[in-house]
Amino acid sequence: MKLSPKILVAALALFCGASASAQTLNGTLTNGTTGKPAAGDDVILIKLAQGMEEAARTKADASGHFSFNLPDAGPHLIRAVHQGVTYHSMAPPGSNSVEVQVFDVSKKLANISVTADVLRFQAQGNQLQGTRLFAVNNTSTPPRTQLNDQNFEFYLPDGARIVDSSAETAGGQPLKTDPVPQKEKNRYAFNFPLRPGQTLFQVGFELPYSGELSVDPKALYPAQHFVVMVPKTMQFAADAAGGFESRANPKEPGTMVQVASNTELGQQLGFKISGTGTLNEGRDDSDGGPSADNGTAGRDSRPGGGLGPPIDAPDPLEKYRWYILGGFAVILAAGAFYITTRSRSADLRYTERPLATIPDFAASDTDVSDGPPKRQQGAGRSGLLLEALKEELFQLEVEHKQGSISQAEYERARAALDQTLERAIKRGASLPQKAPARD
């Protein structure tokens, strides 16, 4: 019985899907504040296929337990909602258990501190671009999440217009979060929850520039490091003597770094910048002096840059992309086995023909100086075509899984590739019969 590659791949996918559908994921939801089960909280199963799709929803029982029947064998994300705040935990492929920790919410916590408050500026012509980045730590004991309408406040220079902003929890991805203007001019607040551990806030802004600017950061929290970064082609002058120290940045030599350490609430941190210049792209501040990014390495360093995928959760596919690619490899390997079996069957039929009818490729019409025999050339071209088609199928499946092409584009491309693959297989199987006869 002959099966087309399209039918074979569909059958394999159906088999894999049927096997995965029987898998059950059991989980436990624990309240990290009380150490007790988080009974009654909503638990959501998110399918990580094309984007993030809610696959199922349940509630934790009195013991904090929950379970889901997984719709597929891929990676999943578990989201728990406790007192209006979400918490996440990854369920890798093949997992049958998962633990999620949530925390009670308080409107105000005393153990909120700022590790770093970083201001970056660059200027071109009559426009100034800036970024303000905060690394905020919640070290509350017992651990709690702070959440209120003015959860984290800050100031921007007069006339600044916000162009982008984000918030990021420890181990998560940047989430686009808009700060809310307050009654006081140039004062803003993030309503993003401060979970236990570190939270990063970033605000990109721009404002008119006449060649110099006086900045009063008006820090609302003590900071371990207050950092100002400008190109070396610009000038920096602190309002108060002794407030800042110049630090070298070996990985960004074209940048001037000024640092005020262990700042206190109400401390004078005003300064003036002048001149023009742009910051180097692709920075890495992991070494040398206090880290100006505090865990944001890899993010776009340009003022206003750095927004990542809009999800406050761990990167869903980073650790598990090889499982996904491995699945595609299994399917393609099965297709390759099918193609090889067909080719071997054709060769077997060819060698079993009567000896007198087998072409002699050592005849004079196949001079080695002219290259390989005609049959070998045809077989080589067919093999190269099959390899190219398999590679194209693989790339198409990866792009489809990543959501970079639409379903309609995927179906059209897949149908065309399947048809071409079948023709290539038939052509390869018929090559021996088309070999030149012996002279």
Protein backbone atom coordinates (compact mmCIF):
# COMPACT_ATOMS: atom_id res chain seq x y z
CA MET A 1 0.00 0.00 0.00
CA LYS A 2 1.40 3.35 -1.07
CA LEU A 3 0.94 6.34 1.23
CA SER A 4 1.69 9.90 0.19
CA PRO A 5 3.97 11.93 2.49
CA LYS A 6 1.02 14.22 3.23
CA ILE A 7 -1.07 11.33 4.52
CA LEU A 8 1.88 9.93 6.48
CA VAL A 9 2.60 13.23 8.22
CA ALA A 10 -1.09 13.73 9.02
CA ALA A 11 -1.32 10.22 10.48
CA LEU A 12 1.76 10.81 12.64
CA ALA A 13 0.40 14.11 13.88
CA LEU A 14 -2.95 12.48 14.68
CA PHE A 15 -1.22 9.65 16.53
CA CYS A 16 0.93 12.06 18.56
CA GLY A 17 -2.09 14.18 19.36
CA ALA A 18 -4.12 11.17 20.48
CA SER A 19 -1.27 10.02 22.74
CA ALA A 20 -0.81 13.45 24.30
CA SER A 21 -4.52 13.98 24.92
CA ALA A 22 -4.49 11.30 27.58
CA GLN A 23 -1.79 13.02 29.66
CA THR A 24 -2.88 14.56 32.96
CA LEU A 25 -1.06 17.40 34.69
CA ASN A 26 -1.47 17.56 38.47
CA GLY A 27 -0.55 20.67 40.39
CA THR A 28 -0.34 22.23 43.82
CA LEU A 29 -1.08 25.86 44.66
CA THR A 30 0.61 27.19 47.80
CA ASN A 31 0.26 30.54 49.57
CA GLY A 32 3.85 31.70 50.11
CA THR A 33 2.73 34.22 52.74
CA THR A 34 0.94 31.77 55.04
CA GLY A 35 2.59 28.53 53.94
CA LYS A 36 -0.89 27.00 53.52
CA PRO A 37 -2.74 25.72 50.45
CA ALA A 38 -4.26 28.47 48.30
CA ALA A 39 -7.73 26.97 48.28
CA GLY A 40 -10.32 28.35 45.85
CA ASP A 41 -7.93 30.34 43.66
CA ASP A 42 -8.44 30.33 39.89
CA VAL A 43 -5.92 28.26 37.93
CA ILE A 44 -5.62 28.63 34.15
CA LEU A 45 -3.90 26.32 31.66
CA ILE A 46 -2.29 28.28 28.81
CA LYS A 47 -1.37 26.47 25.63
CA LEU A 48 1.90 27.70 24.13
CA ALA A 49 1.36 27.12 20.44
CA GLN A 50 0.56 30.10 18.25
CA GLY A 51 0.87 32.81 20.87
CA MET A 52 -0.73 32.10 24.25
CA GLU A 53 -4.14 30.47 24.22
CA GLU A 54 -6.25 29.61 27.27
CA ALA A 55 -6.93 25.88 27.06
CA ALA A 56 -8.71 25.18 30.37
CA ARG A 57 -9.61 26.73 33.70
CA THR A 58 -10.29 25.31 37.15
CA LYS A 59 -10.03 26.14 40.88
CA ALA A 60 -7.67 24.77 43.51
CA ASP A 61 -9.43 22.51 46.01
CA ALA A 62 -9.19 22.71 49.81
CA SER A 63 -5.74 21.10 49.67
CA GLY A 64 -4.53 23.45 46.94
CA HIS A 65 -4.59 20.67 44.34
CA PHE A 66 -5.73 21.00 40.72
CA SER A 67 -5.42 18.98 37.53
CA PHE A 68 -5.74 19.40 33.77
CA ASN A 69 -6.02 17.02 30.84
CA LEU A 70 -3.36 18.36 28.51
CA PRO A 71 -4.57 19.00 24.96
CA ASP A 72 -1.12 18.31 23.46
CA ALA A 73 2.41 17.26 24.37
CA GLY A 74 3.93 20.73 24.03
CA PRO A 75 4.97 23.13 26.80
CA HIS A 76 2.24 24.82 28.83
CA LEU A 77 2.05 27.72 31.24
CA ILE A 78 0.10 27.59 34.49
CA ARG A 79 -1.35 30.90 35.64
CA ALA A 80 -2.81 31.30 39.14
CA VAL A 81 -4.81 34.34 40.26
CA HIS A 82 -4.67 35.26 43.94
CA GLN A 83 -6.30 38.42 45.28
CA GLY A 84 -6.25 39.96 41.80
CA VAL A 85 -2.56 39.30 41.07
CA THR A 86 -1.30 36.66 38.62
CA TYR A 87 1.54 34.20 39.21
CA HIS A 88 3.05 31.74 36.72
CA SER A 89 4.85 28.44 36.50
CA MET A 90 6.06 26.52 33.44
CA ALA A 91 4.99 22.95 32.64
CA PRO A 92 7.63 21.54 30.24
CA PRO A 93 6.74 18.81 27.72
CA GLY A 94 6.30 15.49 29.49
CA SER A 95 5.56 17.09 32.88
CA ASN A 96 2.94 15.42 35.05
CA SER A 97 3.20 17.74 38.05
CA VAL A 98 3.72 21.44 38.71
CA GLU A 99 3.84 23.77 41.73
CA VAL A 100 2.70 27.40 41.79
CA GLN A 101 3.31 29.84 44.63
CA VAL A 102 1.12 32.90 45.27
CA PHE A 103 1.30 35.65 47.90
CA ASP A 104 -1.16 37.75 49.86
CA VAL A 105 -1.59 41.37 48.78
CA SER A 106 -0.93 44.43 50.92
CA LYS A 107 -1.50 48.05 49.91
CA LYS A 108 1.72 49.29 51.51
CA LEU A 109 4.90 47.46 52.48
CA ALA A 110 7.91 48.82 54.35
CA ASN A 111 10.51 46.58 52.73
CA ILE A 112 10.47 48.15 49.27
CA SER A 113 13.88 49.42 48.12
CA VAL A 114 15.46 50.65 44.90
CA THR A 115 18.67 48.92 43.88
CA ALA A 116 19.29 51.18 40.89
CA ASP A 117 17.72 54.32 39.43
CA VAL A 118 19.27 54.89 36.00
CA LEU A 119 18.83 57.89 33.68
CA ARG A 120 20.22 57.64 30.13
CA PHE A 121 20.25 60.58 27.71
CA GLN A 122 21.24 61.24 24.14
CA ALA A 123 20.64 64.33 22.01
CA GLN A 124 20.49 65.09 18.32
CA GLY A 125 19.55 68.48 16.96
CA ASN A 126 16.69 69.99 18.93
CA GLN A 127 15.45 66.75 20.49
CA LEU A 128 16.57 64.92 23.63
CA GLN A 129 15.81 61.24 24.18
CA GLY A 130 15.93 59.61 27.57
CA THR A 131 15.22 56.43 29.48
CA ARG A 132 14.61 56.05 33.19
CA LEU A 133 15.04 52.55 34.58
CA PHE A 134 14.26 51.37 38.11
CA ALA A 135 15.29 48.08 39.72
CA VAL A 136 12.93 47.66 42.68
CA ASN A 137 13.24 44.99 45.38
CA ASN A 138 10.46 43.64 47.58
CA THR A 139 12.07 41.90 50.58
CA SER A 140 8.99 41.79 52.78
CA THR A 141 8.84 39.17 55.57
CA PRO A 142 6.69 37.16 55.37
CA PRO A 143 6.68 37.72 51.61
CA ARG A 144 3.75 39.73 50.29
CA THR A 145 2.82 41.55 47.10
CA GLN A 146 2.30 45.31 47.23
CA LEU A 147 -0.52 46.69 45.09
CA ASN A 148 -2.26 50.07 45.17
CA ASP A 149 -3.25 52.85 42.79
CA GLN A 150 0.14 54.57 43.17
CA ASN A 151 2.23 51.46 43.58
CA PHE A 152 5.52 52.96 42.35
CA GLU A 153 5.90 56.69 41.68
CA PHE A 154 8.56 58.72 39.89
CA TYR A 155 9.24 62.05 38.14
CA LEU A 156 10.27 62.89 34.58
CA PRO A 157 11.90 66.13 33.36
CA ASP A 158 9.55 69.00 32.59
CA GLY A 159 8.15 68.73 29.06
CA ALA A 160 8.89 65.00 28.70
CA ARG A 161 6.58 62.94 26.51
CA ILE A 162 6.44 59.21 27.25
CA VAL A 163 6.98 57.09 24.12
CA ASP A 164 7.05 53.62 25.69
CA SER A 165 7.16 51.90 29.06
CA SER A 166 7.39 48.41 30.50
CA ALA A 167 7.44 46.40 33.72
CA GLU A 168 9.17 43.08 34.26
CA THR A 169 9.17 40.61 37.16
CA ALA A 170 12.07 38.33 38.08
CA GLY A 171 12.40 35.61 35.46
CA GLY A 172 9.60 37.12 33.36
CA GLN A 173 9.33 39.08 30.16
CA PRO A 174 8.77 42.85 29.82
CA LEU A 175 5.08 43.73 29.90
CA LYS A 176 3.94 46.96 28.31
CA THR A 177 2.53 48.98 31.20
CA ASP A 178 1.50 52.63 30.96
CA PRO A 179 2.32 54.87 33.94
CA VAL A 180 -0.56 57.00 35.17
CA PRO A 181 -0.09 60.80 35.41
CA GLN A 182 -0.64 62.13 38.95
CA LYS A 183 -2.07 65.46 40.12
CA GLU A 184 1.41 66.92 40.60
CA LYS A 185 3.06 68.00 37.35
CA ASN A 186 5.61 65.58 35.88
CA ARG A 187 4.78 62.93 38.48
CA TYR A 188 3.67 59.44 37.39
CA ALA A 189 2.79 56.13 38.99
CA PHE A 190 2.92 52.49 37.92
CA ASN A 191 -0.02 50.41 39.14
CA PHE A 192 1.91 47.22 38.42
CA PRO A 193 2.09 44.83 41.43
CA LEU A 194 5.40 44.58 43.29
CA ARG A 195 5.72 40.84 43.85
CA PRO A 196 8.38 39.42 46.21
CA GLY A 197 11.78 39.71 44.56
CA GLN A 198 12.86 42.19 41.90
CA THR A 199 10.69 44.20 39.52
CA LEU A 200 12.12 46.31 36.70
CA PHE A 201 10.39 49.44 35.40
CA GLN A 202 11.51 51.27 32.27
CA VAL A 203 10.18 54.50 30.77
CA GLY A 204 11.32 55.93 27.45
CA PHE A 205 10.64 59.61 26.80
CA GLU A 206 11.61 62.54 24.59
CA LEU A 207 11.47 66.33 24.95
CA PRO A 208 12.51 69.48 23.10
CA TYR A 209 16.17 70.40 23.52
CA SER A 210 17.95 73.72 23.08
CA GLY A 211 21.48 72.48 23.74
CA GLU A 212 21.32 72.16 27.52
CA LEU A 213 18.91 70.90 30.16
CA SER A 214 18.68 71.07 33.95
CA VAL A 215 17.28 67.88 35.51
CA ASP A 216 15.93 67.38 39.03
CA PRO A 217 15.17 63.64 39.33
CA LYS A 218 13.26 64.12 42.63
CA ALA A 219 13.95 60.59 43.82
CA LEU A 220 11.06 59.31 45.91
CA TYR A 221 12.94 56.31 47.31
CA PRO A 222 16.43 55.75 48.71
CA ALA A 223 18.61 54.01 46.12
CA GLN A 224 21.70 51.89 46.32
CA HIS A 225 22.89 53.50 43.08
CA PHE A 226 21.58 56.54 41.21
CA VAL A 227 23.21 56.54 37.76
CA VAL A 228 23.33 59.09 34.94
CA MET A 229 24.68 58.00 31.55
CA VAL A 230 25.36 60.33 28.62
CA PRO A 231 27.64 60.19 25.55
CA LYS A 232 31.17 61.47 26.13
CA THR A 233 30.47 64.14 23.53
CA MET A 234 28.00 65.69 26.00
CA GLN A 235 28.81 67.52 29.25
CA PHE A 236 27.58 66.70 32.75
CA ALA A 237 27.64 69.03 35.78
CA ALA A 238 26.20 68.16 39.21
CA ASP A 239 24.32 70.86 41.12
CA ALA A 240 25.89 69.82 44.45
CA ALA A 241 29.60 69.07 44.84
CA GLY A 242 30.53 65.58 45.97
CA GLY A 243 27.21 64.05 44.99
CA PHE A 244 28.46 62.07 41.99
CA GLU A 245 31.52 60.02 41.11
CA SER A 246 32.71 59.29 37.58
CA ARG A 247 32.91 55.60 36.73
CA ALA A 248 34.43 53.86 33.73
CA ASN A 249 32.34 51.64 31.53
CA PRO A 250 34.78 49.41 29.60
CA LYS A 251 32.06 47.76 27.55
CA GLU A 252 30.72 51.11 26.37
CA PRO A 253 33.77 53.36 26.17
CA GLY A 254 31.90 56.15 24.42
CA THR A 255 29.64 56.65 27.44
CA MET A 256 30.21 58.83 30.50
CA VAL A 257 28.80 57.31 33.71
CA GLN A 258 28.13 59.36 36.85
CA VAL A 259 27.09 57.49 40.02
CA ALA A 260 25.69 58.59 43.36
CA SER A 261 25.71 55.67 45.81
CA ASN A 262 23.48 54.99 48.82
CA THR A 263 21.26 58.00 48.21
CA GLU A 264 18.72 59.11 50.79
CA LEU A 265 15.19 60.36 50.46
CA GLY A 266 15.27 64.11 49.76
CA GLN A 267 18.97 64.13 48.79
CA GLN A 268 19.88 66.76 46.17
CA LEU A 269 20.64 64.90 42.94
CA GLY A 270 20.07 67.66 40.40
CA PHE A 271 22.42 68.07 37.43
CA LYS A 272 22.80 69.80 34.07
CA ILE A 273 23.63 68.23 30.72
CA SER A 274 24.63 70.02 27.53
CA GLY A 275 25.90 69.29 24.04
CA THR A 276 24.82 66.53 21.66
CA GLY A 277 25.73 62.91 20.99
CA THR A 278 24.30 59.40 20.78
CA LEU A 279 24.83 56.39 23.01
CA ASN A 280 26.41 53.22 21.65
CA GLU A 281 23.99 50.47 20.75
CA GLY A 282 24.33 46.91 21.97
CA ARG A 283 25.75 47.81 25.38
CA ASP A 284 26.52 45.34 28.15
CA ASP A 285 26.88 46.85 31.62
CA SER A 286 27.31 43.59 33.48
CA ASP A 287 30.89 44.45 34.49
CA GLY A 288 32.62 47.49 35.89
CA GLY A 289 31.00 49.54 38.66
CA PRO A 290 27.39 49.21 39.59
CA SER A 291 25.38 47.57 36.89
CA ALA A 292 23.30 50.13 35.14
CA ASP A 293 20.82 47.61 33.85
CA ASN A 294 20.56 45.25 36.83
CA GLY A 295 19.42 42.27 34.94
CA THR A 296 18.25 43.87 31.75
CA ALA A 297 21.19 42.75 29.62
CA GLY A 298 20.03 41.77 26.20
CA ARG A 299 17.38 44.45 26.05
CA ASP A 300 17.62 47.25 23.50
CA SER A 301 19.84 49.90 25.07
CA ARG A 302 18.61 52.86 23.09
CA PRO A 303 16.54 55.41 25.00
CA GLY A 304 12.95 54.33 24.72
CA GLY A 305 13.93 50.82 23.63
CA GLY A 306 13.58 47.55 25.39
CA LEU A 307 9.94 46.47 25.24
CA GLY A 308 9.68 42.72 24.95
CA PRO A 309 6.83 40.26 24.46
CA PRO A 310 3.69 41.55 26.20
CA ILE A 311 3.40 38.90 28.87
CA ASP A 312 4.25 39.03 32.56
CA ALA A 313 5.40 35.43 32.62
CA PRO A 314 8.52 33.33 31.91
CA ASP A 315 9.58 33.17 28.28
CA PRO A 316 7.39 30.22 27.25
CA LEU A 317 9.48 28.68 24.47
CA GLU A 318 13.06 29.59 25.32
CA LYS A 319 13.79 26.46 27.36
CA TYR A 320 11.58 24.11 25.40
CA ARG A 321 12.07 25.08 21.75
CA TRP A 322 14.20 21.97 21.21
CA TYR A 323 11.26 19.78 22.22
CA ILE A 324 9.21 21.47 19.54
CA LEU A 325 11.96 21.22 16.93
CA GLY A 326 12.52 17.63 17.97
CA GLY A 327 8.89 16.85 17.25
CA PHE A 328 9.26 18.24 13.77
CA ALA A 329 12.46 16.22 13.33
CA VAL A 330 10.60 13.00 14.20
CA ILE A 331 7.96 13.71 11.59
CA LEU A 332 10.55 14.61 8.97
CA ALA A 333 12.59 11.52 9.84
CA ALA A 334 9.52 9.38 9.29
CA GLY A 335 9.04 11.04 5.92
CA ALA A 336 12.70 10.44 5.07
CA PHE A 337 12.34 6.76 6.02
CA TYR A 338 9.34 6.48 3.74
CA ILE A 339 11.26 8.10 0.87
CA THR A 340 14.29 5.86 1.46
CA THR A 341 12.09 2.73 1.53
CA ARG A 342 10.51 3.71 -1.77
CA SER A 343 13.94 4.36 -3.32
CA ARG A 344 15.33 1.04 -2.11
CA SER A 345 12.30 -0.82 -3.46
CA ALA A 346 12.85 0.77 -6.86
CA ASP A 347 16.55 -0.15 -6.83
CA LEU A 348 15.69 -3.73 -5.85
CA ARG A 349 13.28 -4.08 -8.76
CA TYR A 350 15.96 -2.65 -11.03
CA THR A 351 18.67 -5.17 -10.02
CA GLU A 352 16.26 -8.09 -10.40
CA ARG A 353 15.76 -7.38 -14.11
CA PRO A 354 17.40 -9.81 -16.63
CA LEU A 355 21.13 -9.22 -16.88
CA ALA A 356 21.00 -8.50 -20.61
CA THR A 357 18.68 -5.51 -20.05
CA ILE A 358 20.79 -3.78 -17.38
CA PRO A 359 22.45 -0.69 -18.87
CA ASP A 360 26.26 -0.68 -18.88
CA PHE A 361 27.37 2.75 -17.59
CA ALA A 362 30.97 1.91 -18.50
CA ALA A 363 30.12 2.24 -22.17
CA SER A 364 31.80 4.87 -24.34
CA ASP A 365 28.86 7.28 -24.12
CA THR A 366 29.61 7.86 -20.42
CA ASP A 367 33.16 9.19 -20.58
CA VAL A 368 34.22 10.14 -17.05
CA SER A 369 35.83 13.28 -18.38
CA ASP A 370 32.34 14.56 -19.11
CA GLY A 371 31.16 14.01 -15.54
CA PRO A 372 28.98 11.35 -13.89
CA PRO A 373 26.83 9.00 -15.94
CA LYS A 374 23.44 10.28 -16.94
CA ARG A 375 21.58 8.05 -14.50
CA GLN A 376 23.81 9.15 -11.62
CA GLN A 377 23.35 12.78 -12.58
CA GLY A 378 19.57 12.35 -12.54
CA ALA A 379 19.68 10.55 -9.22
CA GLY A 380 21.91 13.25 -7.77
CA ARG A 381 19.58 16.01 -8.85
CA SER A 382 16.60 14.11 -7.45
CA GLY A 383 18.38 13.57 -4.13
CA LEU A 384 19.29 17.23 -3.87
CA LEU A 385 15.72 18.18 -4.65
CA LEU A 386 14.37 15.86 -1.95
CA GLU A 387 16.82 17.26 0.59
CA ALA A 388 15.81 20.80 -0.33
CA LEU A 389 12.13 19.91 -0.04
CA LYS A 390 12.63 18.34 3.40
CA GLU A 391 14.51 21.42 4.57
CA GLU A 392 11.76 23.68 3.24
CA LEU A 393 9.09 21.58 4.98
CA PHE A 394 11.01 21.85 8.22
CA GLN A 395 11.36 25.63 7.95
CA LEU A 396 7.67 25.96 7.07
CA GLU A 397 6.60 23.98 10.14
CA VAL A 398 8.86 26.05 12.41
CA GLU A 399 7.48 29.34 11.03
CA HIS A 400 3.93 28.02 11.42
CA LYS A 401 4.59 26.97 15.02
CA GLN A 402 6.08 30.37 15.81
CA GLY A 403 3.09 32.14 14.26
CA SER A 404 5.19 34.12 11.80
CA ILE A 405 2.90 33.13 8.89
CA SER A 406 -0.88 32.97 8.70
CA GLN A 407 -2.83 29.72 8.60
CA ALA A 408 -3.88 30.41 5.00
CA GLU A 409 -0.27 30.99 3.90
CA TYR A 410 0.81 27.84 5.71
CA GLU A 411 -1.86 25.69 4.04
CA ARG A 412 -1.06 27.01 0.55
CA ALA A 413 2.68 26.52 0.99
CA ARG A 414 2.24 23.06 2.54
CA ALA A 415 -0.03 21.89 -0.30
CA ALA A 416 2.46 23.06 -2.91
CA LEU A 417 5.38 21.38 -1.14
CA ASP A 418 3.46 18.12 -0.72
CA GLN A 419 2.65 18.04 -4.43
CA THR A 420 6.25 18.78 -5.41
CA LEU A 421 7.52 16.13 -2.99
CA GLU A 422 5.27 13.46 -4.49
CA ARG A 423 6.41 14.35 -8.02
CA ALA A 424 10.07 14.21 -6.93
CA ILE A 425 9.56 10.77 -5.39
CA LYS A 426 7.86 9.44 -8.52
CA ARG A 427 10.59 10.90 -10.71
CA GLY A 428 13.28 9.33 -8.52
CA ALA A 429 11.57 5.92 -8.65
CA SER A 430 11.28 6.05 -12.45
CA LEU A 431 14.89 7.08 -13.13
CA PRO A 432 16.28 3.50 -13.61
CA GLN A 433 13.79 2.74 -16.38
CA LYS A 434 14.87 5.94 -18.14
CA ALA A 435 18.55 4.99 -18.21
CA PRO A 436 20.21 4.85 -21.66
CA ALA A 437 20.34 1.43 -23.33
CA ARG A 438 23.63 -0.37 -23.83
CA ASP A 439 25.27 0.21 -27.17
